[in-house]
Amino acid sequence: MAGKVRWGILATGWIAELFVKDLQQHGHTMTAVGSRSQHAANEFAVKFGIARAHPSYEALCADPEVDAIYVATPHPMHAENAKLALSHGKHVLVEKAFTVNASEAQEVVD
């Protein structure tokens, strides 16, 4: 991955807003956002000047214009969402808690 990372934001809650604001303050560009609904994805994209809005997490992860996914869902969903992004060959950033237990963490790593 040469040059700037093309970020995809998985979910549109408050933690996603904080992450995007922080990255934008440091010159990063968000490429796409994915949500459980097209409406929520569109609203988030407009608010933060993100060009691509996807109606599902699957669609975001399948986007060839995205290099890395920031997982902004609640903790119990981290493992499932990280595995989805990894299955599409994306780099993944998941904050604490990475997963809710050791067996989930091992599944993601494997």
N, C-alpha and C. Protein backbone atom coordinates (compact mmCIF):
# COMPACT_ATOMS: atom_id res chain seq x y z
N MET A 1 0.85 -1.17 0.00
CA MET A 1 0.00 0.00 0.00
C MET A 1 0.90 1.23 0.00
N ALA A 2 1.04 1.87 -1.14
CA ALA A 2 1.89 3.05 -1.25
C ALA A 2 1.03 4.31 -1.18
N GLY A 3 1.61 5.40 -0.71
CA GLY A 3 0.88 6.66 -0.63
C GLY A 3 -0.05 6.70 0.56
N LYS A 4 -1.10 7.52 0.43
CA LYS A 4 -2.05 7.69 1.52
C LYS A 4 -2.99 6.50 1.63
N VAL A 5 -3.34 6.19 2.85
CA VAL A 5 -4.30 5.12 3.12
C VAL A 5 -5.70 5.63 2.76
N ARG A 6 -6.43 4.81 2.03
CA ARG A 6 -7.81 5.14 1.67
C ARG A 6 -8.73 4.47 2.69
N TRP A 7 -9.20 5.26 3.65
CA TRP A 7 -9.97 4.74 4.78
C TRP A 7 -11.43 4.50 4.46
N GLY A 8 -11.96 3.41 5.00
CA GLY A 8 -13.39 3.14 5.02
C GLY A 8 -13.82 3.09 6.47
N ILE A 9 -14.95 3.69 6.77
CA ILE A 9 -15.46 3.75 8.14
C ILE A 9 -16.66 2.81 8.23
N LEU A 10 -16.54 1.81 9.10
CA LEU A 10 -17.59 0.81 9.24
C LEU A 10 -18.44 1.18 10.45
N ALA A 11 -19.59 1.79 10.19
CA ALA A 11 -20.59 2.26 11.16
C ALA A 11 -20.54 3.78 11.25
N THR A 12 -21.62 4.36 11.77
CA THR A 12 -21.77 5.81 11.73
C THR A 12 -22.08 6.44 13.08
N GLY A 13 -21.75 5.76 14.16
CA GLY A 13 -22.04 6.29 15.49
C GLY A 13 -21.05 7.35 15.95
N TRP A 14 -21.16 7.71 17.22
CA TRP A 14 -20.35 8.81 17.75
C TRP A 14 -18.86 8.53 17.71
N ILE A 15 -18.45 7.28 17.93
CA ILE A 15 -17.02 6.97 17.91
C ILE A 15 -16.47 7.12 16.48
N ALA A 16 -17.29 6.79 15.49
CA ALA A 16 -16.88 6.99 14.09
C ALA A 16 -16.68 8.47 13.81
N GLU A 17 -17.57 9.30 14.34
CA GLU A 17 -17.44 10.75 14.15
C GLU A 17 -16.14 11.26 14.76
N LEU A 18 -15.81 10.82 15.96
CA LEU A 18 -14.56 11.25 16.60
C LEU A 18 -13.35 10.83 15.79
N PHE A 19 -13.35 9.59 15.31
CA PHE A 19 -12.23 9.07 14.53
C PHE A 19 -12.04 9.88 13.24
N VAL A 20 -13.13 10.13 12.53
CA VAL A 20 -13.05 10.87 11.28
C VAL A 20 -12.56 12.29 11.52
N LYS A 21 -13.09 12.95 12.54
CA LYS A 21 -12.64 14.32 12.85
C LYS A 21 -11.14 14.34 13.14
N ASP A 22 -10.67 13.38 13.92
CA ASP A 22 -9.24 13.32 14.25
C ASP A 22 -8.39 13.10 13.00
N LEU A 23 -8.77 12.15 12.17
CA LEU A 23 -7.99 11.90 10.95
C LEU A 23 -8.01 13.09 10.00
N GLN A 24 -9.15 13.73 9.87
CA GLN A 24 -9.23 14.88 8.97
C GLN A 24 -8.37 16.04 9.46
N GLN A 25 -8.23 16.19 10.77
CA GLN A 25 -7.38 17.25 11.32
C GLN A 25 -5.92 17.03 10.96
N HIS A 26 -5.56 15.81 10.64
CA HIS A 26 -4.17 15.47 10.32
C HIS A 26 -3.97 15.19 8.83
N GLY A 27 -4.91 15.65 8.00
CA GLY A 27 -4.73 15.58 6.56
C GLY A 27 -5.12 14.28 5.90
N HIS A 28 -5.75 13.38 6.63
CA HIS A 28 -6.18 12.12 6.03
C HIS A 28 -7.52 12.30 5.31
N THR A 29 -7.77 11.44 4.35
CA THR A 29 -9.01 11.49 3.59
C THR A 29 -9.79 10.21 3.81
N MET A 30 -11.07 10.36 4.10
CA MET A 30 -11.95 9.21 4.22
C MET A 30 -12.51 8.93 2.83
N THR A 31 -12.40 7.69 2.40
CA THR A 31 -12.84 7.31 1.06
C THR A 31 -14.30 6.88 1.04
N ALA A 32 -14.72 6.12 2.08
CA ALA A 32 -16.07 5.56 2.06
C ALA A 32 -16.55 5.32 3.48
N VAL A 33 -17.86 5.22 3.60
CA VAL A 33 -18.48 4.85 4.87
C VAL A 33 -19.53 3.79 4.57
N GLY A 34 -19.70 2.87 5.51
CA GLY A 34 -20.73 1.84 5.39
C GLY A 34 -21.59 1.85 6.63
N SER A 35 -22.88 1.66 6.44
CA SER A 35 -23.82 1.63 7.55
C SER A 35 -24.83 0.52 7.30
N ARG A 36 -25.72 0.33 8.26
CA ARG A 36 -26.77 -0.66 8.09
C ARG A 36 -27.90 -0.13 7.21
N SER A 37 -27.86 1.18 6.91
CA SER A 37 -28.86 1.75 6.02
C SER A 37 -28.21 2.78 5.09
N GLN A 38 -28.75 2.89 3.90
CA GLN A 38 -28.22 3.87 2.95
C GLN A 38 -28.41 5.29 3.48
N HIS A 39 -29.55 5.52 4.14
CA HIS A 39 -29.83 6.86 4.67
C HIS A 39 -28.77 7.30 5.67
N ALA A 40 -28.45 6.43 6.62
CA ALA A 40 -27.43 6.78 7.63
C ALA A 40 -26.06 6.97 6.99
N ALA A 41 -25.73 6.13 6.03
CA ALA A 41 -24.44 6.26 5.33
C ALA A 41 -24.39 7.58 4.57
N ASN A 42 -25.48 7.93 3.90
CA ASN A 42 -25.52 9.19 3.15
C ASN A 42 -25.36 10.40 4.07
N GLU A 43 -26.08 10.40 5.20
CA GLU A 43 -25.98 11.52 6.14
C GLU A 43 -24.56 11.69 6.66
N PHE A 44 -23.93 10.59 7.04
CA PHE A 44 -22.56 10.64 7.55
C PHE A 44 -21.61 11.13 6.47
N ALA A 45 -21.78 10.63 5.26
CA ALA A 45 -20.91 11.02 4.15
C ALA A 45 -21.01 12.52 3.87
N VAL A 46 -22.21 13.04 3.86
CA VAL A 46 -22.41 14.47 3.61
C VAL A 46 -21.78 15.29 4.74
N LYS A 47 -22.01 14.87 5.97
CA LYS A 47 -21.49 15.61 7.13
C LYS A 47 -19.98 15.74 7.11
N PHE A 48 -19.28 14.69 6.64
CA PHE A 48 -17.83 14.66 6.70
C PHE A 48 -17.15 14.74 5.32
N GLY A 49 -17.92 14.99 4.28
CA GLY A 49 -17.33 15.13 2.95
C GLY A 49 -16.72 13.85 2.41
N ILE A 50 -17.38 12.73 2.67
CA ILE A 50 -16.92 11.43 2.21
C ILE A 50 -17.63 11.10 0.90
N ALA A 51 -16.87 10.74 -0.11
CA ALA A 51 -17.41 10.57 -1.47
C ALA A 51 -18.32 9.36 -1.63
N ARG A 52 -18.05 8.27 -0.92
CA ARG A 52 -18.77 7.02 -1.17
C ARG A 52 -19.53 6.59 0.09
N ALA A 53 -20.82 6.28 -0.09
CA ALA A 53 -21.66 5.84 1.03
C ALA A 53 -22.29 4.50 0.66
N HIS A 54 -22.05 3.50 1.51
CA HIS A 54 -22.54 2.15 1.24
C HIS A 54 -23.66 1.76 2.20
N PRO A 55 -24.66 1.01 1.71
CA PRO A 55 -25.82 0.64 2.53
C PRO A 55 -25.59 -0.58 3.42
N SER A 56 -24.37 -1.11 3.41
CA SER A 56 -24.09 -2.28 4.26
C SER A 56 -22.60 -2.34 4.55
N TYR A 57 -22.26 -3.07 5.59
CA TYR A 57 -20.85 -3.28 5.93
C TYR A 57 -20.17 -4.13 4.86
N GLU A 58 -20.90 -5.09 4.33
CA GLU A 58 -20.38 -5.95 3.26
C GLU A 58 -19.98 -5.12 2.04
N ALA A 59 -20.86 -4.20 1.65
CA ALA A 59 -20.57 -3.36 0.48
C ALA A 59 -19.34 -2.49 0.72
N LEU A 60 -19.21 -1.95 1.92
CA LEU A 60 -18.03 -1.15 2.24
C LEU A 60 -16.77 -1.99 2.11
N CYS A 61 -16.79 -3.18 2.70
CA CYS A 61 -15.60 -4.04 2.69
C CYS A 61 -15.25 -4.52 1.28
N ALA A 62 -16.24 -4.61 0.41
CA ALA A 62 -16.00 -5.04 -0.97
C ALA A 62 -15.54 -3.89 -1.88
N ASP A 63 -15.56 -2.68 -1.39
CA ASP A 63 -15.19 -1.51 -2.20
C ASP A 63 -13.70 -1.55 -2.55
N PRO A 64 -13.36 -1.64 -3.82
CA PRO A 64 -11.94 -1.72 -4.21
C PRO A 64 -11.17 -0.41 -3.99
N GLU A 65 -11.87 0.68 -3.72
CA GLU A 65 -11.21 1.96 -3.47
C GLU A 65 -10.81 2.14 -2.01
N VAL A 66 -11.12 1.16 -1.17
CA VAL A 66 -10.82 1.24 0.27
C VAL A 66 -9.66 0.31 0.58
N ASP A 67 -8.64 0.85 1.27
CA ASP A 67 -7.48 0.05 1.69
C ASP A 67 -7.64 -0.49 3.11
N ALA A 68 -8.18 0.34 3.99
CA ALA A 68 -8.23 0.00 5.42
C ALA A 68 -9.60 0.35 5.97
N ILE A 69 -10.04 -0.47 6.91
CA ILE A 69 -11.35 -0.30 7.54
C ILE A 69 -11.15 0.03 9.01
N TYR A 70 -11.83 1.10 9.46
CA TYR A 70 -11.91 1.40 10.88
C TYR A 70 -13.23 0.84 11.38
N VAL A 71 -13.18 -0.08 12.33
CA VAL A 71 -14.38 -0.71 12.88
C VAL A 71 -14.90 0.15 14.02
N ALA A 72 -16.09 0.73 13.83
CA ALA A 72 -16.66 1.65 14.81
C ALA A 72 -17.97 1.13 15.40
N THR A 73 -18.12 -0.17 15.41
CA THR A 73 -19.32 -0.79 15.97
C THR A 73 -19.13 -1.07 17.46
N PRO A 74 -20.21 -1.43 18.18
CA PRO A 74 -20.06 -1.81 19.59
C PRO A 74 -19.15 -3.04 19.75
N HIS A 75 -18.53 -3.15 20.92
CA HIS A 75 -17.56 -4.21 21.19
C HIS A 75 -18.01 -5.62 20.79
N PRO A 76 -19.25 -6.03 21.10
CA PRO A 76 -19.64 -7.40 20.74
C PRO A 76 -19.61 -7.69 19.24
N MET A 77 -19.58 -6.66 18.41
CA MET A 77 -19.57 -6.85 16.96
C MET A 77 -18.16 -6.76 16.37
N HIS A 78 -17.16 -6.40 17.16
CA HIS A 78 -15.81 -6.19 16.63
C HIS A 78 -15.26 -7.41 15.89
N ALA A 79 -15.36 -8.58 16.48
CA ALA A 79 -14.78 -9.77 15.85
C ALA A 79 -15.43 -10.05 14.50
N GLU A 80 -16.75 -10.04 14.45
CA GLU A 80 -17.47 -10.31 13.20
C GLU A 80 -17.10 -9.28 12.13
N ASN A 81 -17.07 -8.02 12.50
CA ASN A 81 -16.77 -6.96 11.53
C ASN A 81 -15.31 -7.00 11.09
N ALA A 82 -14.40 -7.28 12.00
CA ALA A 82 -12.98 -7.38 11.63
C ALA A 82 -12.77 -8.55 10.67
N LYS A 83 -13.40 -9.68 10.94
CA LYS A 83 -13.26 -10.84 10.05
C LYS A 83 -13.84 -10.54 8.66
N LEU A 84 -14.94 -9.81 8.62
CA LEU A 84 -15.52 -9.43 7.33
C LEU A 84 -14.53 -8.59 6.53
N ALA A 85 -13.96 -7.58 7.15
CA ALA A 85 -13.01 -6.72 6.45
C ALA A 85 -11.77 -7.50 6.02
N LEU A 86 -11.26 -8.33 6.91
CA LEU A 86 -10.07 -9.13 6.58
C LEU A 86 -10.35 -10.10 5.43
N SER A 87 -11.57 -10.64 5.39
CA SER A 87 -11.92 -11.58 4.31
C SER A 87 -11.91 -10.90 2.94
N HIS A 88 -11.98 -9.58 2.93
CA HIS A 88 -11.92 -8.81 1.69
C HIS A 88 -10.53 -8.23 1.45
N GLY A 89 -9.57 -8.69 2.23
CA GLY A 89 -8.19 -8.25 2.04
C GLY A 89 -7.88 -6.86 2.54
N LYS A 90 -8.70 -6.34 3.43
CA LYS A 90 -8.49 -4.99 3.95
C LYS A 90 -7.60 -5.01 5.19
N HIS A 91 -6.88 -3.92 5.39
CA HIS A 91 -6.22 -3.68 6.67
C HIS A 91 -7.32 -3.25 7.63
N VAL A 92 -7.17 -3.56 8.92
CA VAL A 92 -8.24 -3.30 9.87
C VAL A 92 -7.70 -2.62 11.11
N LEU A 93 -8.42 -1.59 11.57
CA LEU A 93 -8.14 -0.96 12.85
C LEU A 93 -9.34 -1.15 13.74
N VAL A 94 -9.12 -1.86 14.85
CA VAL A 94 -10.16 -2.10 15.85
C VAL A 94 -9.61 -1.62 17.18
N GLU A 95 -10.35 -0.75 17.84
CA GLU A 95 -9.90 -0.28 19.15
C GLU A 95 -10.38 -1.23 20.24
N LYS A 96 -9.97 -0.95 21.45
CA LYS A 96 -10.37 -1.80 22.56
C LYS A 96 -11.88 -1.76 22.72
N ALA A 97 -12.45 -2.75 23.10
CA ALA A 97 -11.94 -4.10 23.17
C ALA A 97 -11.90 -4.72 21.78
N PHE A 98 -10.75 -5.30 21.47
CA PHE A 98 -10.54 -5.95 20.18
C PHE A 98 -11.63 -6.97 19.93
N THR A 99 -11.86 -7.83 20.91
CA THR A 99 -12.98 -8.78 20.91
C THR A 99 -13.45 -8.90 22.35
N VAL A 100 -14.50 -9.68 22.57
CA VAL A 100 -15.02 -9.80 23.93
C VAL A 100 -14.44 -10.99 24.69
N ASN A 101 -13.70 -11.86 24.00
CA ASN A 101 -13.05 -12.97 24.69
C ASN A 101 -11.89 -13.51 23.85
N ALA A 102 -11.11 -14.36 24.46
CA ALA A 102 -9.89 -14.88 23.81
C ALA A 102 -10.20 -15.74 22.59
N SER A 103 -11.26 -16.52 22.64
CA SER A 103 -11.56 -17.38 21.49
C SER A 103 -11.95 -16.56 20.26
N GLU A 104 -12.69 -15.47 20.46
CA GLU A 104 -13.00 -14.58 19.33
C GLU A 104 -11.73 -13.95 18.78
N ALA A 105 -10.84 -13.53 19.66
CA ALA A 105 -9.58 -12.92 19.22
C ALA A 105 -8.78 -13.91 18.37
N GLN A 106 -8.74 -15.16 18.79
CA GLN A 106 -8.00 -16.17 18.04
C GLN A 106 -8.62 -16.38 16.66
N GLU A 107 -9.96 -16.38 16.58
CA GLU A 107 -10.64 -16.53 15.29
C GLU A 107 -10.26 -15.40 14.33
N VAL A 108 -10.20 -14.17 14.84
CA VAL A 108 -9.86 -13.04 13.99
C VAL A 108 -8.43 -13.16 13.49
N VAL A 109 -7.52 -13.55 14.38
CA VAL A 109 -6.11 -13.67 14.02
C VAL A 109 -5.90 -14.79 13.01
N ASP A 110 -6.61 -15.89 13.19
CA ASP A 110 -6.47 -17.03 12.28
C ASP A 110 -7.03 -16.69 10.93
